[in-house]
Amino acid sequence: MYGLYDKEGMLRFVDADKDACIAYVELFELGPTNYCLMDLADDTKIKATNLDQSQEENNN
């Protein structure tokens, strides 16, 4: 599993295929000094949060 981070350290993309990460780089025209590709452990769990939903819950 690979993680693609931007120059500020934010995780931008995760995929099991290294070529998919490179395709993401090309799609968004990230220069070679603007990203870092890291090999992640296969058991790494990525938790996604829907910000709109959590804001809705906090407003009630």
N, C-alpha and C. Protein backbone atom coordinates (compact mmCIF):
# COMPACT_ATOMS: atom_id res chain seq x y z
N MET A 1 0.85 -1.16 0.00
CA MET A 1 0.00 0.00 0.00
C MET A 1 0.90 1.23 0.00
N TYR A 2 0.51 2.23 -0.79
CA TYR A 2 1.31 3.45 -0.90
C TYR A 2 0.49 4.66 -0.48
N GLY A 3 1.15 5.60 0.15
CA GLY A 3 0.53 6.86 0.53
C GLY A 3 1.24 8.00 -0.17
N LEU A 4 0.47 8.89 -0.72
CA LEU A 4 1.02 10.05 -1.42
C LEU A 4 0.75 11.29 -0.57
N TYR A 5 1.81 11.94 -0.15
CA TYR A 5 1.71 13.12 0.72
C TYR A 5 2.14 14.35 -0.06
N ASP A 6 1.49 15.49 0.21
CA ASP A 6 1.93 16.72 -0.43
C ASP A 6 3.09 17.32 0.35
N LYS A 7 3.62 18.43 -0.14
CA LYS A 7 4.82 19.02 0.47
C LYS A 7 4.58 19.51 1.89
N GLU A 8 3.30 19.66 2.27
CA GLU A 8 2.99 20.09 3.63
C GLU A 8 2.69 18.92 4.56
N GLY A 9 2.84 17.69 4.04
CA GLY A 9 2.66 16.51 4.86
C GLY A 9 1.25 15.97 4.92
N MET A 10 0.33 16.51 4.12
CA MET A 10 -1.05 16.03 4.13
C MET A 10 -1.19 14.82 3.20
N LEU A 11 -1.84 13.78 3.71
CA LEU A 11 -2.08 12.59 2.91
C LEU A 11 -3.09 12.92 1.83
N ARG A 12 -2.71 12.77 0.57
CA ARG A 12 -3.57 13.13 -0.55
C ARG A 12 -4.22 11.94 -1.23
N PHE A 13 -3.56 10.76 -1.20
CA PHE A 13 -4.04 9.61 -1.95
C PHE A 13 -3.43 8.34 -1.38
N VAL A 14 -4.22 7.26 -1.33
CA VAL A 14 -3.74 5.96 -0.87
C VAL A 14 -4.20 4.91 -1.88
N ASP A 15 -3.30 4.01 -2.27
CA ASP A 15 -3.65 2.95 -3.19
C ASP A 15 -2.65 1.82 -3.05
N ALA A 16 -3.08 0.62 -3.41
CA ALA A 16 -2.19 -0.53 -3.37
C ALA A 16 -1.23 -0.53 -4.56
N ASP A 17 -1.56 0.22 -5.59
CA ASP A 17 -0.79 0.26 -6.82
C ASP A 17 0.04 1.54 -6.90
N LYS A 18 1.35 1.38 -6.95
CA LYS A 18 2.25 2.54 -7.02
C LYS A 18 1.97 3.38 -8.27
N ASP A 19 1.65 2.72 -9.39
CA ASP A 19 1.37 3.44 -10.64
C ASP A 19 0.13 4.33 -10.51
N ALA A 20 -0.85 3.91 -9.71
CA ALA A 20 -2.04 4.74 -9.49
C ALA A 20 -1.66 6.02 -8.76
N CYS A 21 -0.74 5.92 -7.83
CA CYS A 21 -0.27 7.11 -7.11
C CYS A 21 0.45 8.07 -8.05
N ILE A 22 1.27 7.51 -8.92
CA ILE A 22 1.99 8.33 -9.90
C ILE A 22 1.00 8.98 -10.87
N ALA A 23 -0.05 8.26 -11.25
CA ALA A 23 -1.08 8.83 -12.13
C ALA A 23 -1.77 10.01 -11.45
N TYR A 24 -1.98 9.93 -10.12
CA TYR A 24 -2.56 11.03 -9.36
C TYR A 24 -1.64 12.25 -9.42
N VAL A 25 -0.36 12.01 -9.26
CA VAL A 25 0.64 13.08 -9.34
C VAL A 25 0.56 13.78 -10.69
N GLU A 26 0.50 12.97 -11.76
CA GLU A 26 0.45 13.53 -13.11
C GLU A 26 -0.86 14.27 -13.36
N LEU A 27 -1.98 13.72 -12.86
CA LEU A 27 -3.28 14.35 -13.05
C LEU A 27 -3.32 15.74 -12.45
N PHE A 28 -2.78 15.90 -11.26
CA PHE A 28 -2.80 17.19 -10.58
C PHE A 28 -1.52 17.99 -10.78
N GLU A 29 -0.67 17.49 -11.68
CA GLU A 29 0.55 18.20 -12.08
C GLU A 29 1.40 18.63 -10.88
N LEU A 30 1.58 17.70 -9.95
CA LEU A 30 2.45 17.96 -8.80
C LEU A 30 3.89 17.77 -9.24
N GLY A 31 4.71 18.76 -9.00
CA GLY A 31 6.12 18.66 -9.36
C GLY A 31 6.85 17.70 -8.43
N PRO A 32 8.04 17.25 -8.83
CA PRO A 32 8.78 16.27 -8.03
C PRO A 32 9.15 16.77 -6.63
N THR A 33 9.17 18.07 -6.42
CA THR A 33 9.47 18.60 -5.08
C THR A 33 8.21 18.88 -4.28
N ASN A 34 7.03 18.56 -4.85
CA ASN A 34 5.77 18.86 -4.17
C ASN A 34 5.06 17.64 -3.61
N TYR A 35 5.67 16.47 -3.70
CA TYR A 35 5.02 15.28 -3.15
C TYR A 35 6.06 14.27 -2.66
N CYS A 36 5.56 13.35 -1.84
CA CYS A 36 6.39 12.27 -1.31
C CYS A 36 5.55 10.99 -1.37
N LEU A 37 6.10 9.94 -1.95
CA LEU A 37 5.42 8.66 -2.05
C LEU A 37 6.03 7.72 -1.02
N MET A 38 5.20 7.20 -0.12
CA MET A 38 5.70 6.34 0.95
C MET A 38 5.04 4.98 0.90
N ASP A 39 5.81 3.95 1.20
CA ASP A 39 5.30 2.60 1.32
C ASP A 39 4.65 2.48 2.69
N LEU A 40 3.34 2.20 2.71
CA LEU A 40 2.61 2.06 3.97
C LEU A 40 2.45 0.59 4.32
N ALA A 41 2.33 0.29 5.59
CA ALA A 41 2.07 -1.08 6.01
C ALA A 41 0.72 -1.52 5.47
N ASP A 42 0.60 -2.78 5.07
CA ASP A 42 -0.66 -3.28 4.51
C ASP A 42 -1.82 -3.21 5.48
N ASP A 43 -1.54 -3.23 6.78
CA ASP A 43 -2.61 -3.21 7.76
C ASP A 43 -2.94 -1.80 8.24
N THR A 44 -2.39 -0.78 7.57
CA THR A 44 -2.68 0.60 7.94
C THR A 44 -4.14 0.90 7.64
N LYS A 45 -4.85 1.44 8.62
CA LYS A 45 -6.26 1.77 8.43
C LYS A 45 -6.39 3.27 8.27
N ILE A 46 -7.08 3.66 7.21
CA ILE A 46 -7.31 5.07 6.94
C ILE A 46 -8.75 5.38 7.33
N LYS A 47 -8.95 6.33 8.23
CA LYS A 47 -10.28 6.69 8.67
C LYS A 47 -10.71 7.97 7.96
N ALA A 48 -11.79 7.87 7.21
CA ALA A 48 -12.32 9.03 6.50
C ALA A 48 -13.44 9.64 7.31
N THR A 49 -13.50 10.95 7.30
CA THR A 49 -14.55 11.66 8.02
C THR A 49 -15.32 12.52 7.04
N ASN A 50 -16.63 12.44 7.09
CA ASN A 50 -17.48 13.29 6.29
C ASN A 50 -17.71 14.56 7.10
N LEU A 51 -17.04 15.64 6.74
CA LEU A 51 -17.11 16.87 7.53
C LEU A 51 -18.51 17.46 7.55
N ASP A 52 -19.22 17.40 6.45
CA ASP A 52 -20.58 17.96 6.41
C ASP A 52 -21.48 17.26 7.41
N GLN A 53 -21.37 15.94 7.48
CA GLN A 53 -22.20 15.17 8.40
C GLN A 53 -21.86 15.48 9.85
N SER A 54 -20.58 15.57 10.18
CA SER A 54 -20.21 15.83 11.56
C SER A 54 -20.58 17.26 11.97
N GLN A 55 -20.56 18.20 11.05
CA GLN A 55 -20.99 19.56 11.37
C GLN A 55 -22.48 19.61 11.64
N GLU A 56 -23.23 18.82 10.86
CA GLU A 56 -24.67 18.74 11.06
C GLU A 56 -24.99 18.22 12.45
N GLU A 57 -24.30 17.17 12.86
CA GLU A 57 -24.55 16.58 14.18
C GLU A 57 -24.21 17.57 15.28
N ASN A 58 -23.18 18.37 15.12
CA ASN A 58 -22.79 19.33 16.15
C ASN A 58 -23.75 20.50 16.25
N ASN A 59 -24.47 20.79 15.17
CA ASN A 59 -25.39 21.93 15.20
C ASN A 59 -26.72 21.60 15.84
N ASN A 60 -27.02 20.33 16.07
CA ASN A 60 -28.32 19.95 16.65
C ASN A 60 -28.27 19.90 18.14
